[in-house]
Amino acid sequence: METPEDLSDPGNAWDNAPPRANKYPRDVLHVVVRAFGERHALPGIRMHVWKGLTADFVQRFANGVQCLRPVAAWVSVAMDATMLQLIQIAESMERYGLCTLADLRAFAGAHRFHGKRRCLRALAIARPGSASVKETELRVRLELRGLPAFAINYVVAGSAYDSRMEHTVDLAIAQYRVGLEYQGDQHRSDYRQYRRDREKLGAMAALGWSVFEVTQEDLNSAEALDRLAMRVACVIARQDGAEPRVARLTYARIADPRRAA
């Protein structure tokens, strides 16, 4: 699954820097030990001390190798990952079946470790059901611009392919019939996929939906995301009469449960 290094691309470069931005070579093996005296200088290995490490944080494989449990591995990167990366990895761990967001919340709430507040804040924003780290990034970055919460992989009633499989949209604000689709390279290079996309967007437009397609180039540009957020805000404003605007919210703000209320 994804690691912070895998997510260090231009699309994440805008995000808040982690408390300690340690940069390791990508081929370094990270090892956790319980005490400073257990550390050794070995080529290709970076050793970290976790004084609170206990046996229930660890799983042992049949060959004797010991590894952190997924929930412990996630909190172990709390001080080296950005807030967006923590959210992306948490959702990814559930997507890959390693653990659930509820498992992460239970572990983070029950133990002491560096970065606990950051983890709890990330878990207040993370949601189940995302299909990719790019969809997570798109959703979070638009919520930071003041847009309402999005439904994930929303099924559009009354819209379907010829096979009768219902159309879904990556992110949706259903009450305003506005959706977002993240389009990876395969959506442009695969002709059949391209035709399916055009069919779906046409069917949804006939039902009154406004669907915006987003690419990596949009994620790489703060200005492009501002324009996208404003377009979505304008769709909403046409229906509820509010003045469209783009905000600048913090992670603490979008993690606050009072915001939804």
Protein backbone atom coordinates (compact mmCIF):
# COMPACT_ATOMS: atom_id res chain seq x y z
CA MET A 1 0.00 0.00 0.00
CA GLU A 2 1.01 3.64 -0.20
CA THR A 3 3.70 5.14 2.06
CA PRO A 4 4.50 8.82 2.76
CA GLU A 5 7.32 8.57 0.21
CA ASP A 6 4.88 7.33 -2.44
CA LEU A 7 2.65 10.35 -1.77
CA SER A 8 5.41 12.97 -1.97
CA ASP A 9 4.39 14.20 -5.41
CA PRO A 10 3.59 17.73 -6.63
CA GLY A 11 -0.06 17.29 -5.71
CA ASN A 12 0.86 16.99 -2.04
CA ALA A 13 3.64 19.57 -2.05
CA TRP A 14 1.26 22.37 -0.98
CA ASP A 15 0.30 20.55 2.23
CA ASN A 16 1.44 21.51 5.71
CA ALA A 17 4.94 20.26 6.38
CA PRO A 18 5.17 17.49 9.01
CA PRO A 19 6.63 18.39 12.42
CA ARG A 20 9.93 16.75 11.47
CA ALA A 21 10.48 16.47 7.76
CA ASN A 22 13.06 13.68 7.73
CA LYS A 23 14.04 12.69 4.22
CA TYR A 24 15.29 9.14 3.84
CA PRO A 25 16.40 7.33 0.69
CA ARG A 26 13.50 5.34 -0.73
CA ASP A 27 15.30 2.01 -0.29
CA VAL A 28 15.93 2.43 3.44
CA LEU A 29 14.39 -0.20 5.73
CA HIS A 30 12.82 1.35 8.83
CA VAL A 31 13.14 -0.65 12.07
CA VAL A 32 11.51 0.12 15.43
CA VAL A 33 13.22 -0.79 18.71
CA ARG A 34 12.17 -0.33 22.33
CA ALA A 35 15.28 1.39 23.73
CA PHE A 36 18.23 3.46 22.59
CA GLY A 37 20.59 0.64 23.58
CA GLU A 38 18.97 -1.64 20.99
CA ARG A 39 19.92 0.58 18.07
CA HIS A 40 22.74 -0.46 15.75
CA ALA A 41 24.42 1.25 12.84
CA LEU A 42 23.68 -0.94 9.83
CA PRO A 43 23.85 -0.02 6.14
CA GLY A 44 20.49 0.60 4.52
CA ILE A 45 18.61 0.56 7.85
CA ARG A 46 17.16 3.45 9.86
CA MET A 47 16.35 2.57 13.48
CA HIS A 48 13.65 4.40 15.46
CA VAL A 49 13.12 4.20 19.22
CA TRP A 50 9.53 3.77 20.47
CA LYS A 51 9.69 3.52 24.27
CA GLY A 52 5.98 2.67 24.51
CA LEU A 53 6.29 -0.29 22.14
CA THR A 54 4.68 -3.40 23.65
CA ALA A 55 4.13 -6.94 22.46
CA ASP A 56 0.54 -6.27 21.38
CA PHE A 57 1.82 -3.73 18.83
CA VAL A 58 3.73 -6.49 17.04
CA GLN A 59 2.83 -9.43 14.84
CA ARG A 60 5.21 -12.36 14.30
CA PHE A 61 5.34 -14.30 11.04
CA ALA A 62 6.04 -18.01 10.66
CA ASN A 63 9.65 -17.34 9.64
CA GLY A 64 10.29 -15.42 12.87
CA VAL A 65 10.21 -11.96 11.38
CA GLN A 66 8.47 -9.43 13.62
CA CYS A 67 6.54 -6.53 12.12
CA LEU A 68 4.41 -3.71 13.50
CA ARG A 69 0.69 -4.32 13.29
CA PRO A 70 -0.94 -2.07 10.68
CA VAL A 71 -2.53 0.20 13.32
CA ALA A 72 0.83 0.67 15.05
CA ALA A 73 2.62 1.24 11.74
CA TRP A 74 0.20 4.07 10.91
CA VAL A 75 0.71 5.97 14.16
CA SER A 76 4.49 5.44 13.87
CA VAL A 77 4.63 7.83 10.88
CA ALA A 78 2.54 10.54 12.59
CA MET A 79 5.52 12.89 12.97
CA ASP A 80 6.99 12.28 9.50
CA ALA A 81 3.88 12.48 7.30
CA THR A 82 1.84 15.53 6.40
CA MET A 83 -1.76 15.73 7.57
CA LEU A 84 -3.01 14.92 4.08
CA GLN A 85 -0.71 11.89 3.89
CA LEU A 86 -1.99 10.61 7.25
CA ILE A 87 -5.56 10.85 5.94
CA GLN A 88 -4.66 9.21 2.62
CA ILE A 89 -2.82 6.32 4.29
CA ALA A 90 -5.60 5.74 6.84
CA GLU A 91 -8.23 5.48 4.08
CA SER A 92 -5.87 3.34 2.01
CA MET A 93 -5.31 0.88 4.88
CA GLU A 94 -9.05 0.29 5.07
CA ARG A 95 -9.30 0.01 1.27
CA TYR A 96 -6.58 -2.68 1.25
CA GLY A 97 -8.23 -4.56 4.12
CA LEU A 98 -5.36 -4.06 6.57
CA CYS A 99 -7.53 -2.45 9.25
CA THR A 100 -10.58 -0.22 9.58
CA LEU A 101 -10.78 3.44 10.51
CA ALA A 102 -12.50 2.27 13.69
CA ASP A 103 -9.45 0.11 14.49
CA LEU A 104 -7.18 3.13 14.03
CA ARG A 105 -9.39 5.29 16.27
CA ALA A 106 -9.45 2.66 18.99
CA PHE A 107 -5.67 2.23 18.92
CA ALA A 108 -4.89 5.95 18.77
CA GLY A 109 -7.30 6.64 21.62
CA ALA A 110 -5.90 3.92 23.87
CA HIS A 111 -2.13 4.55 23.62
CA ARG A 112 0.38 7.34 24.15
CA PHE A 113 2.74 8.24 21.32
CA HIS A 114 4.24 11.24 19.59
CA GLY A 115 1.77 12.77 17.15
CA LYS A 116 -1.37 11.47 18.86
CA ARG A 117 -3.24 14.75 18.37
CA ARG A 118 -2.35 14.77 14.66
CA CYS A 119 -3.62 11.20 14.26
CA LEU A 120 -6.92 11.91 15.98
CA ARG A 121 -7.42 14.98 13.80
CA ALA A 122 -6.67 13.00 10.64
CA LEU A 123 -9.15 10.31 11.70
CA ALA A 124 -11.83 12.95 12.23
CA ILE A 125 -11.47 13.81 8.52
CA ALA A 126 -10.85 10.33 7.07
CA ARG A 127 -13.86 8.45 5.70
CA PRO A 128 -14.43 4.92 4.41
CA GLY A 129 -15.11 4.06 0.79
CA SER A 130 -12.55 6.12 -1.13
CA ALA A 131 -11.34 4.38 -4.29
CA SER A 132 -7.86 5.95 -4.49
CA VAL A 133 -5.47 8.30 -2.74
CA LYS A 134 -6.14 10.87 -5.49
CA GLU A 135 -9.86 10.92 -4.73
CA THR A 136 -9.01 11.40 -1.05
CA GLU A 137 -6.72 14.29 -1.89
CA LEU A 138 -9.33 15.92 -4.13
CA ARG A 139 -12.06 15.65 -1.48
CA VAL A 140 -9.93 17.01 1.36
CA ARG A 141 -8.48 19.88 -0.63
CA LEU A 142 -11.95 21.02 -1.72
CA GLU A 143 -13.29 20.79 1.83
CA LEU A 144 -10.36 22.98 2.90
CA ARG A 145 -11.76 25.50 0.42
CA GLY A 146 -15.09 25.59 2.23
CA LEU A 147 -17.21 23.28 0.09
CA PRO A 148 -19.80 21.02 1.77
CA ALA A 149 -18.95 17.42 2.60
CA PHE A 150 -18.96 15.10 -0.40
CA ALA A 151 -20.59 11.68 -0.68
CA ILE A 152 -18.05 9.07 -1.85
CA ASN A 153 -18.76 6.79 -4.84
CA TYR A 154 -22.32 8.07 -5.03
CA VAL A 155 -24.85 5.96 -7.01
CA VAL A 156 -26.88 8.19 -9.36
CA ALA A 157 -30.50 7.07 -9.38
CA GLY A 158 -32.00 6.66 -12.85
CA SER A 159 -28.66 6.69 -14.68
CA ALA A 160 -27.10 3.45 -15.95
CA TYR A 161 -24.99 1.85 -18.66
CA ASP A 162 -26.53 -0.37 -21.36
CA SER A 163 -25.64 -3.30 -19.09
CA ARG A 164 -28.02 -1.74 -16.50
CA MET A 165 -25.13 -1.19 -14.10
CA GLU A 166 -25.89 2.05 -12.31
CA HIS A 167 -23.64 5.04 -12.82
CA THR A 168 -21.56 6.22 -9.88
CA VAL A 169 -19.65 9.45 -9.42
CA ASP A 170 -16.42 9.62 -7.41
CA LEU A 171 -17.54 12.55 -5.26
CA ALA A 172 -20.99 14.12 -5.10
CA ILE A 173 -23.03 16.78 -3.34
CA ALA A 174 -26.27 15.05 -4.19
CA GLN A 175 -28.74 17.72 -3.07
CA TYR A 176 -27.27 20.11 -5.66
CA ARG A 177 -26.65 17.44 -8.31
CA VAL A 178 -22.98 18.27 -8.59
CA GLY A 179 -20.27 15.63 -8.98
CA LEU A 180 -16.53 15.26 -9.42
CA GLU A 181 -14.67 12.57 -11.35
CA TYR A 182 -10.92 12.05 -10.97
CA GLN A 183 -9.60 11.00 -14.38
CA GLY A 184 -6.31 9.10 -14.36
CA ASP A 185 -4.26 8.48 -17.48
CA GLN A 186 -6.24 5.33 -18.37
CA HIS A 187 -9.36 7.43 -18.87
CA ARG A 188 -7.66 9.17 -21.80
CA SER A 189 -5.47 6.39 -23.20
CA ASP A 190 -8.11 3.61 -23.15
CA TYR A 191 -10.66 4.30 -25.91
CA ARG A 192 -13.32 2.01 -24.38
CA GLN A 193 -12.94 3.72 -21.02
CA TYR A 194 -13.15 7.09 -22.73
CA ARG A 195 -16.43 6.10 -24.46
CA ARG A 196 -17.88 4.82 -21.18
CA ASP A 197 -16.96 8.10 -19.48
CA ARG A 198 -18.62 10.15 -22.21
CA GLU A 199 -21.76 8.00 -22.05
CA LYS A 200 -21.98 8.37 -18.28
CA LEU A 201 -21.44 12.13 -18.29
CA GLY A 202 -24.04 12.59 -21.01
CA ALA A 203 -26.61 10.54 -19.13
CA MET A 204 -25.99 12.46 -15.91
CA ALA A 205 -26.20 15.82 -17.70
CA ALA A 206 -29.62 14.80 -19.02
CA LEU A 207 -30.71 14.33 -15.40
CA GLY A 208 -29.53 17.81 -14.48
CA TRP A 209 -26.16 16.90 -13.00
CA SER A 210 -23.08 19.12 -13.31
CA VAL A 211 -20.04 16.83 -13.33
CA PHE A 212 -16.50 18.22 -13.31
CA GLU A 213 -13.57 16.11 -14.49
CA VAL A 214 -10.30 16.53 -12.58
CA THR A 215 -6.77 15.42 -13.52
CA GLN A 216 -3.39 15.36 -11.81
CA GLU A 217 -2.59 18.73 -13.38
CA ASP A 218 -5.49 20.23 -11.42
CA LEU A 219 -4.19 18.73 -8.18
CA ASN A 220 -0.73 20.15 -8.88
CA SER A 221 -2.07 23.71 -9.04
CA ALA A 222 -3.60 25.62 -6.13
CA GLU A 223 -5.03 28.10 -8.63
CA ALA A 224 -6.71 25.34 -10.63
CA LEU A 225 -8.30 23.96 -7.47
CA ASP A 226 -9.49 27.44 -6.51
CA ARG A 227 -11.20 27.73 -9.91
CA LEU A 228 -12.75 24.28 -9.52
CA ALA A 229 -14.01 25.11 -6.03
CA MET A 230 -15.55 28.34 -7.32
CA ARG A 231 -17.30 26.52 -10.18
CA VAL A 232 -18.82 24.06 -7.74
CA ALA A 233 -19.80 26.96 -5.45
CA CYS A 234 -21.49 28.69 -8.40
CA VAL A 235 -23.57 25.57 -9.14
CA ILE A 236 -24.68 25.54 -5.51
CA ALA A 237 -25.34 29.30 -5.49
CA ARG A 238 -27.65 29.07 -8.49
CA GLN A 239 -29.87 26.77 -6.47
CA ASP A 240 -29.84 28.25 -2.99
CA GLY A 241 -29.21 31.90 -3.79
CA ALA A 242 -26.08 32.21 -1.64
CA GLU A 243 -23.05 34.21 -2.72
CA PRO A 244 -20.43 31.81 -4.19
CA ARG A 245 -17.05 32.03 -2.50
CA VAL A 246 -13.90 30.06 -1.80
CA ALA A 247 -12.73 29.86 1.80
CA ARG A 248 -9.41 28.99 3.43
CA LEU A 249 -10.10 26.52 6.22
CA THR A 250 -7.65 24.64 8.42
CA TYR A 251 -7.53 20.91 9.08
CA ALA A 252 -8.70 21.65 12.62
CA ARG A 253 -11.75 23.42 11.19
CA ILE A 254 -12.83 20.65 8.83
CA ALA A 255 -12.18 18.06 11.55
CA ASP A 256 -14.49 19.88 13.98
CA PRO A 257 -17.78 17.94 14.22
CA ARG A 258 -19.62 21.22 14.77
CA ARG A 259 -18.87 22.21 11.16
CA ALA A 260 -21.20 19.54 9.79
CA ALA A 261 -23.96 20.71 12.11
